Amino acid sequence: MKKKIIVPFVIIVVSIAILVFLSLPSPREPEAISDPLNHELYLKLTNMGIKDAVVDITEERVLIRYNLLKNMNKSSVNYEIMRNAATIADSGRIIIQVYEDFKPLEEIVVSREDVLAYMNGAISYKELEKRIEIKSLK
């Protein structure tokens, strides 16, 4: 007789314990809050037609990694990226990694001050070109 009472009682207690456990709030994952500067530069890139770019801004550098589309002029796109990066971020260097067909093509490194100097007319485009480091990533 005791077994008949104990078995249903144990089943009810275990069921209540499971329901209580499942109804407890789960620990929340922290919200991923994007850096507003990263987001602003990313939006500028999407307005240029560049989708799925990687943007990472730190105090030392701005890193932009993008896939060059077939209808884009690489020099024009890179200059526009430099201009946007220099005006949005306060970083010392701008690094642009260009991919073509999702394969590494080249890396462009330039100082923010040089880009701003060109934008303000303090140096010529030829002088800016001399200060830009380009290396192949192939």
N, C-alpha and C. Protein backbone atom coordinates (compact mmCIF):
# COMPACT_ATOMS: atom_id res chain seq x y z
N MET A 1 0.81 -1.18 0.00
CA MET A 1 0.00 0.00 0.00
C MET A 1 0.86 1.26 0.00
N LYS A 2 1.96 1.23 0.78
CA LYS A 2 2.84 2.39 0.83
C LYS A 2 3.50 2.64 -0.52
N LYS A 3 3.83 1.55 -1.25
CA LYS A 3 4.45 1.71 -2.55
C LYS A 3 3.50 2.38 -3.53
N LYS A 4 2.21 2.07 -3.42
CA LYS A 4 1.23 2.68 -4.31
C LYS A 4 1.13 4.18 -4.07
N ILE A 5 1.34 4.61 -2.86
CA ILE A 5 1.25 6.04 -2.53
C ILE A 5 2.57 6.73 -2.84
N ILE A 6 3.69 6.08 -2.57
CA ILE A 6 5.01 6.70 -2.73
C ILE A 6 5.34 6.94 -4.21
N VAL A 7 5.07 5.99 -5.10
CA VAL A 7 5.41 6.12 -6.51
C VAL A 7 4.71 7.33 -7.14
N PRO A 8 3.39 7.50 -7.01
CA PRO A 8 2.75 8.69 -7.59
C PRO A 8 3.25 9.98 -6.93
N PHE A 9 3.50 9.90 -5.62
CA PHE A 9 3.99 11.08 -4.91
C PHE A 9 5.36 11.50 -5.45
N VAL A 10 6.26 10.55 -5.68
CA VAL A 10 7.59 10.83 -6.22
C VAL A 10 7.47 11.39 -7.64
N ILE A 11 6.58 10.83 -8.43
CA ILE A 11 6.38 11.31 -9.80
C ILE A 11 5.88 12.76 -9.78
N ILE A 12 4.96 13.06 -8.90
CA ILE A 12 4.43 14.43 -8.80
C ILE A 12 5.51 15.39 -8.34
N VAL A 13 6.31 15.02 -7.35
CA VAL A 13 7.38 15.89 -6.83
C VAL A 13 8.44 16.13 -7.91
N VAL A 14 8.82 15.09 -8.62
CA VAL A 14 9.82 15.23 -9.68
C VAL A 14 9.26 16.11 -10.80
N SER A 15 8.00 15.92 -11.16
CA SER A 15 7.38 16.74 -12.21
C SER A 15 7.34 18.21 -11.80
N ILE A 16 6.99 18.49 -10.56
CA ILE A 16 6.96 19.88 -10.07
C ILE A 16 8.36 20.47 -10.08
N ALA A 17 9.35 19.69 -9.66
CA ALA A 17 10.74 20.17 -9.65
C ALA A 17 11.20 20.50 -11.08
N ILE A 18 10.86 19.66 -12.04
CA ILE A 18 11.23 19.91 -13.44
C ILE A 18 10.55 21.16 -13.95
N LEU A 19 9.26 21.32 -13.66
CA LEU A 19 8.53 22.51 -14.10
C LEU A 19 9.10 23.79 -13.49
N VAL A 20 9.44 23.73 -12.21
CA VAL A 20 10.02 24.89 -11.55
C VAL A 20 11.38 25.22 -12.18
N PHE A 21 12.19 24.20 -12.42
CA PHE A 21 13.50 24.42 -13.03
C PHE A 21 13.37 25.03 -14.42
N LEU A 22 12.45 24.52 -15.22
CA LEU A 22 12.27 25.04 -16.58
C LEU A 22 11.68 26.44 -16.60
N SER A 23 10.95 26.81 -15.56
CA SER A 23 10.33 28.15 -15.55
C SER A 23 11.27 29.22 -15.00
N LEU A 24 12.41 28.82 -14.44
CA LEU A 24 13.37 29.80 -13.95
C LEU A 24 13.93 30.60 -15.13
N PRO A 25 14.14 31.90 -14.94
CA PRO A 25 14.69 32.68 -16.05
C PRO A 25 16.12 32.24 -16.34
N SER A 26 16.41 32.11 -17.62
CA SER A 26 17.76 31.71 -18.00
C SER A 26 18.67 32.94 -17.94
N PRO A 27 19.94 32.72 -17.67
CA PRO A 27 20.85 33.87 -17.63
C PRO A 27 20.90 34.53 -19.00
N ARG A 28 20.79 35.84 -19.01
CA ARG A 28 20.78 36.57 -20.27
C ARG A 28 22.19 36.70 -20.83
N GLU A 29 22.24 36.55 -22.14
CA GLU A 29 23.51 36.80 -22.81
C GLU A 29 23.67 38.31 -22.94
N PRO A 30 24.88 38.80 -22.77
CA PRO A 30 25.06 40.24 -22.92
C PRO A 30 24.78 40.67 -24.36
N GLU A 31 24.15 41.82 -24.49
CA GLU A 31 23.85 42.33 -25.82
C GLU A 31 25.13 42.76 -26.51
N ALA A 32 25.23 42.43 -27.77
CA ALA A 32 26.39 42.86 -28.54
C ALA A 32 26.14 44.30 -28.97
N ILE A 33 26.89 45.20 -28.39
CA ILE A 33 26.74 46.61 -28.72
C ILE A 33 27.88 46.98 -29.64
N SER A 34 27.53 47.33 -30.84
CA SER A 34 28.54 47.69 -31.84
C SER A 34 29.14 49.04 -31.50
N ASP A 35 30.42 49.17 -31.78
CA ASP A 35 31.08 50.46 -31.62
C ASP A 35 30.43 51.43 -32.61
N PRO A 36 29.96 52.58 -32.15
CA PRO A 36 29.27 53.50 -33.06
C PRO A 36 30.15 53.97 -34.23
N LEU A 37 31.46 54.10 -34.01
CA LEU A 37 32.34 54.51 -35.11
C LEU A 37 32.45 53.40 -36.16
N ASN A 38 32.57 52.15 -35.70
CA ASN A 38 32.60 51.02 -36.63
C ASN A 38 31.32 51.02 -37.47
N HIS A 39 30.20 51.22 -36.79
CA HIS A 39 28.91 51.20 -37.46
C HIS A 39 28.80 52.34 -38.48
N GLU A 40 29.25 53.52 -38.10
CA GLU A 40 29.19 54.68 -39.00
C GLU A 40 30.02 54.44 -40.26
N LEU A 41 31.24 53.94 -40.08
CA LEU A 41 32.09 53.67 -41.24
C LEU A 41 31.52 52.54 -42.08
N TYR A 42 30.99 51.53 -41.44
CA TYR A 42 30.37 50.42 -42.18
C TYR A 42 29.21 50.93 -43.03
N LEU A 43 28.40 51.83 -42.49
CA LEU A 43 27.29 52.39 -43.26
C LEU A 43 27.79 53.17 -44.47
N LYS A 44 28.89 53.90 -44.30
CA LYS A 44 29.47 54.63 -45.44
C LYS A 44 29.90 53.64 -46.53
N LEU A 45 30.49 52.52 -46.11
CA LEU A 45 30.92 51.52 -47.08
C LEU A 45 29.73 50.91 -47.81
N THR A 46 28.66 50.63 -47.09
CA THR A 46 27.48 50.06 -47.75
C THR A 46 26.87 51.06 -48.71
N ASN A 47 26.93 52.35 -48.38
CA ASN A 47 26.44 53.37 -49.31
C ASN A 47 27.28 53.43 -50.59
N MET A 48 28.54 53.00 -50.49
CA MET A 48 29.42 52.95 -51.65
C MET A 48 29.20 51.66 -52.46
N GLY A 49 28.37 50.76 -51.95
CA GLY A 49 28.11 49.49 -52.63
C GLY A 49 28.93 48.34 -52.11
N ILE A 50 29.71 48.59 -51.06
CA ILE A 50 30.54 47.52 -50.47
C ILE A 50 29.73 46.83 -49.39
N LYS A 51 29.46 45.57 -49.60
CA LYS A 51 28.67 44.79 -48.65
C LYS A 51 29.59 43.82 -47.92
N ASP A 52 29.24 43.46 -46.71
CA ASP A 52 29.98 42.47 -45.92
C ASP A 52 31.43 42.84 -45.67
N ALA A 53 31.70 44.11 -45.49
CA ALA A 53 33.06 44.55 -45.16
C ALA A 53 33.33 44.29 -43.69
N VAL A 54 34.60 44.17 -43.35
CA VAL A 54 35.02 44.08 -41.96
C VAL A 54 35.57 45.46 -41.59
N VAL A 55 35.05 46.01 -40.50
CA VAL A 55 35.50 47.32 -40.02
C VAL A 55 35.87 47.16 -38.55
N ASP A 56 37.09 47.54 -38.21
CA ASP A 56 37.53 47.48 -36.82
C ASP A 56 38.36 48.72 -36.52
N ILE A 57 37.84 49.56 -35.64
CA ILE A 57 38.51 50.81 -35.30
C ILE A 57 39.06 50.72 -33.89
N THR A 58 40.36 50.99 -33.76
CA THR A 58 41.00 51.08 -32.45
C THR A 58 41.69 52.44 -32.38
N GLU A 59 42.30 52.73 -31.24
CA GLU A 59 43.02 54.00 -31.11
C GLU A 59 44.21 54.06 -32.07
N GLU A 60 44.83 52.92 -32.33
CA GLU A 60 46.03 52.88 -33.16
C GLU A 60 45.75 52.87 -34.65
N ARG A 61 44.65 52.19 -35.07
CA ARG A 61 44.43 52.01 -36.49
C ARG A 61 42.96 51.77 -36.81
N VAL A 62 42.66 52.03 -38.08
CA VAL A 62 41.36 51.66 -38.65
C VAL A 62 41.65 50.55 -39.64
N LEU A 63 40.98 49.41 -39.46
CA LEU A 63 41.14 48.29 -40.38
C LEU A 63 39.85 48.11 -41.16
N ILE A 64 39.98 48.13 -42.48
CA ILE A 64 38.85 47.87 -43.36
C ILE A 64 39.26 46.74 -44.28
N ARG A 65 38.44 45.72 -44.33
CA ARG A 65 38.69 44.59 -45.23
C ARG A 65 37.43 44.44 -46.09
N TYR A 66 37.62 44.49 -47.41
CA TYR A 66 36.45 44.40 -48.27
C TYR A 66 36.77 43.63 -49.55
N ASN A 67 35.73 43.15 -50.19
CA ASN A 67 35.85 42.44 -51.46
C ASN A 67 35.51 43.41 -52.58
N LEU A 68 36.47 43.63 -53.47
CA LEU A 68 36.31 44.55 -54.59
C LEU A 68 35.37 43.93 -55.63
N LEU A 69 34.32 44.64 -55.93
CA LEU A 69 33.37 44.17 -56.93
C LEU A 69 33.92 44.46 -58.33
N LYS A 70 33.49 43.69 -59.29
CA LYS A 70 34.03 43.79 -60.65
C LYS A 70 33.79 45.16 -61.29
N ASN A 71 32.72 45.83 -60.94
CA ASN A 71 32.41 47.12 -61.56
C ASN A 71 33.01 48.31 -60.80
N MET A 72 33.87 48.05 -59.81
CA MET A 72 34.45 49.12 -59.00
C MET A 72 35.88 49.45 -59.43
N ASN A 73 36.20 50.73 -59.39
CA ASN A 73 37.56 51.18 -59.64
C ASN A 73 38.31 51.15 -58.31
N LYS A 74 39.31 50.29 -58.22
CA LYS A 74 40.01 50.06 -56.95
C LYS A 74 40.60 51.34 -56.37
N SER A 75 41.25 52.16 -57.18
CA SER A 75 41.87 53.39 -56.68
C SER A 75 40.84 54.36 -56.12
N SER A 76 39.75 54.53 -56.85
CA SER A 76 38.69 55.44 -56.41
C SER A 76 38.05 54.96 -55.12
N VAL A 77 37.78 53.66 -55.06
CA VAL A 77 37.16 53.08 -53.87
C VAL A 77 38.09 53.23 -52.67
N ASN A 78 39.38 52.93 -52.86
CA ASN A 78 40.32 53.03 -51.74
C ASN A 78 40.47 54.47 -51.25
N TYR A 79 40.50 55.42 -52.18
CA TYR A 79 40.58 56.83 -51.75
C TYR A 79 39.34 57.21 -50.95
N GLU A 80 38.17 56.80 -51.42
CA GLU A 80 36.93 57.14 -50.72
C GLU A 80 36.91 56.50 -49.33
N ILE A 81 37.41 55.27 -49.23
CA ILE A 81 37.49 54.60 -47.93
C ILE A 81 38.46 55.36 -47.02
N MET A 82 39.62 55.76 -47.55
CA MET A 82 40.59 56.52 -46.75
C MET A 82 39.96 57.82 -46.24
N ARG A 83 39.27 58.52 -47.13
CA ARG A 83 38.65 59.79 -46.77
C ARG A 83 37.62 59.60 -45.65
N ASN A 84 36.76 58.59 -45.80
CA ASN A 84 35.75 58.33 -44.77
C ASN A 84 36.39 57.90 -43.46
N ALA A 85 37.38 57.03 -43.52
CA ALA A 85 38.05 56.55 -42.30
C ALA A 85 38.74 57.70 -41.58
N ALA A 86 39.38 58.59 -42.34
CA ALA A 86 40.11 59.71 -41.73
C ALA A 86 39.17 60.69 -41.05
N THR A 87 37.97 60.87 -41.60
CA THR A 87 37.04 61.84 -41.01
C THR A 87 36.23 61.24 -39.86
N ILE A 88 36.06 59.94 -39.86
CA ILE A 88 35.24 59.30 -38.82
C ILE A 88 36.07 58.94 -37.59
N ALA A 89 37.25 58.37 -37.80
CA ALA A 89 38.04 57.84 -36.68
C ALA A 89 39.24 58.73 -36.37
N ASP A 90 39.67 58.67 -35.13
CA ASP A 90 40.82 59.44 -34.65
C ASP A 90 42.10 58.60 -34.61
N SER A 91 42.10 57.50 -35.29
CA SER A 91 43.23 56.56 -35.26
C SER A 91 44.41 57.09 -36.04
N GLY A 92 45.59 56.58 -35.73
CA GLY A 92 46.81 57.03 -36.38
C GLY A 92 46.98 56.51 -37.79
N ARG A 93 46.63 55.24 -38.03
CA ARG A 93 46.85 54.62 -39.33
C ARG A 93 45.53 54.10 -39.89
N ILE A 94 45.48 54.05 -41.20
CA ILE A 94 44.35 53.45 -41.91
C ILE A 94 44.90 52.28 -42.69
N ILE A 95 44.33 51.10 -42.47
CA ILE A 95 44.76 49.89 -43.16
C ILE A 95 43.57 49.36 -43.95
N ILE A 96 43.76 49.23 -45.25
CA ILE A 96 42.70 48.71 -46.12
C ILE A 96 43.21 47.42 -46.73
N GLN A 97 42.47 46.35 -46.51
CA GLN A 97 42.82 45.06 -47.10
C GLN A 97 41.79 44.76 -48.19
N VAL A 98 42.28 44.70 -49.42
CA VAL A 98 41.41 44.51 -50.57
C VAL A 98 41.43 43.04 -50.97
N TYR A 99 40.25 42.51 -51.18
CA TYR A 99 40.10 41.14 -51.67
C TYR A 99 39.43 41.21 -53.04
N GLU A 100 39.76 40.25 -53.89
CA GLU A 100 39.11 40.14 -55.19
C GLU A 100 38.64 38.71 -55.33
N ASP A 101 37.36 38.52 -55.59
CA ASP A 101 36.76 37.19 -55.61
C ASP A 101 37.03 36.46 -54.29
N PHE A 102 37.02 37.22 -53.21
CA PHE A 102 37.22 36.74 -51.84
C PHE A 102 38.60 36.13 -51.61
N LYS A 103 39.56 36.55 -52.44
CA LYS A 103 40.96 36.14 -52.26
C LYS A 103 41.77 37.40 -51.97
N PRO A 104 42.72 37.34 -51.02
CA PRO A 104 43.52 38.53 -50.68
C PRO A 104 44.23 39.08 -51.91
N LEU A 105 44.14 40.39 -52.09
CA LEU A 105 44.76 41.04 -53.24
C LEU A 105 45.90 41.96 -52.79
N GLU A 106 45.57 42.97 -51.97
CA GLU A 106 46.60 43.90 -51.52
C GLU A 106 46.19 44.57 -50.22
N GLU A 107 47.21 45.15 -49.57
CA GLU A 107 46.98 45.90 -48.33
C GLU A 107 47.54 47.30 -48.53
N ILE A 108 46.74 48.29 -48.16
CA ILE A 108 47.12 49.69 -48.28
C ILE A 108 47.22 50.25 -46.86
N VAL A 109 48.33 50.90 -46.55
CA VAL A 109 48.52 51.51 -45.23
C VAL A 109 48.89 52.98 -45.44
N VAL A 110 48.20 53.85 -44.73
CA VAL A 110 48.46 55.28 -44.83
C VAL A 110 48.14 55.92 -43.48
N SER A 111 48.83 57.00 -43.18
CA SER A 111 48.53 57.67 -41.91
C SER A 111 47.31 58.57 -42.09
N ARG A 112 46.55 58.69 -41.05
CA ARG A 112 45.36 59.55 -41.07
C ARG A 112 45.75 61.00 -41.34
N GLU A 113 46.87 61.43 -40.76
CA GLU A 113 47.31 62.82 -40.93
C GLU A 113 47.60 63.12 -42.40
N ASP A 114 48.19 62.15 -43.12
CA ASP A 114 48.47 62.36 -44.54
C ASP A 114 47.18 62.50 -45.35
N VAL A 115 46.20 61.67 -45.04
CA VAL A 115 44.91 61.76 -45.75
C VAL A 115 44.25 63.10 -45.47
N LEU A 116 44.25 63.51 -44.20
CA LEU A 116 43.65 64.80 -43.85
C LEU A 116 44.41 65.95 -44.50
N ALA A 117 45.74 65.84 -44.57
CA ALA A 117 46.55 66.89 -45.21
C ALA A 117 46.16 67.01 -46.69
N TYR A 118 45.95 65.89 -47.35
CA TYR A 118 45.53 65.93 -48.75
C TYR A 118 44.13 66.53 -48.87
N MET A 119 43.24 66.11 -48.00
CA MET A 119 41.86 66.63 -48.05
C MET A 119 41.83 68.14 -47.81
N ASN A 120 42.74 68.64 -46.98
CA ASN A 120 42.78 70.07 -46.67
C ASN A 120 43.63 70.86 -47.67
N GLY A 121 44.22 70.18 -48.64
CA GLY A 121 45.01 70.85 -49.66
C GLY A 121 46.45 71.15 -49.25
N ALA A 122 46.88 70.62 -48.12
CA ALA A 122 48.25 70.86 -47.65
C ALA A 122 49.28 70.07 -48.45
N ILE A 123 48.88 68.92 -49.00
CA ILE A 123 49.77 68.13 -49.86
C ILE A 123 49.01 67.75 -51.13
N SER A 124 49.77 67.47 -52.18
CA SER A 124 49.16 67.10 -53.46
C SER A 124 48.81 65.61 -53.46
N TYR A 125 48.05 65.20 -54.47
CA TYR A 125 47.72 63.79 -54.61
C TYR A 125 48.99 62.98 -54.85
N LYS A 126 49.92 63.53 -55.64
CA LYS A 126 51.19 62.83 -55.88
C LYS A 126 51.95 62.61 -54.59
N GLU A 127 51.94 63.62 -53.72
CA GLU A 127 52.62 63.49 -52.43
C GLU A 127 51.92 62.44 -51.57
N LEU A 128 50.59 62.43 -51.59
CA LEU A 128 49.84 61.42 -50.83
C LEU A 128 50.19 60.03 -51.35
N GLU A 129 50.23 59.87 -52.67
CA GLU A 129 50.57 58.57 -53.25
C GLU A 129 51.93 58.08 -52.79
N LYS A 130 52.89 58.99 -52.64
CA LYS A 130 54.23 58.61 -52.17
C LYS A 130 54.20 58.10 -50.73
N ARG A 131 53.25 58.58 -49.96
CA ARG A 131 53.18 58.22 -48.54
C ARG A 131 52.32 56.98 -48.28
N ILE A 132 51.65 56.50 -49.29
CA ILE A 132 50.82 55.31 -49.15
C ILE A 132 51.68 54.07 -49.38
N GLU A 133 51.61 53.13 -48.46
CA GLU A 133 52.31 51.84 -48.59
C GLU A 133 51.34 50.82 -49.16
N ILE A 134 51.74 50.19 -50.24
CA ILE A 134 50.90 49.15 -50.85
C ILE A 134 51.73 47.88 -50.94
N LYS A 135 51.18 46.80 -50.40
CA LYS A 135 51.88 45.52 -50.53
C LYS A 135 50.90 44.45 -51.00
N SER A 136 51.40 43.57 -51.81
CA SER A 136 50.58 42.49 -52.36
C SER A 136 50.30 41.46 -51.28
N LEU A 137 49.09 40.93 -51.29
CA LEU A 137 48.71 39.86 -50.36
C LEU A 137 48.54 38.53 -51.09
N LYS A 138 48.89 38.52 -52.38
CA LYS A 138 48.76 37.28 -53.18
C LYS A 138 49.78 36.26 -52.76
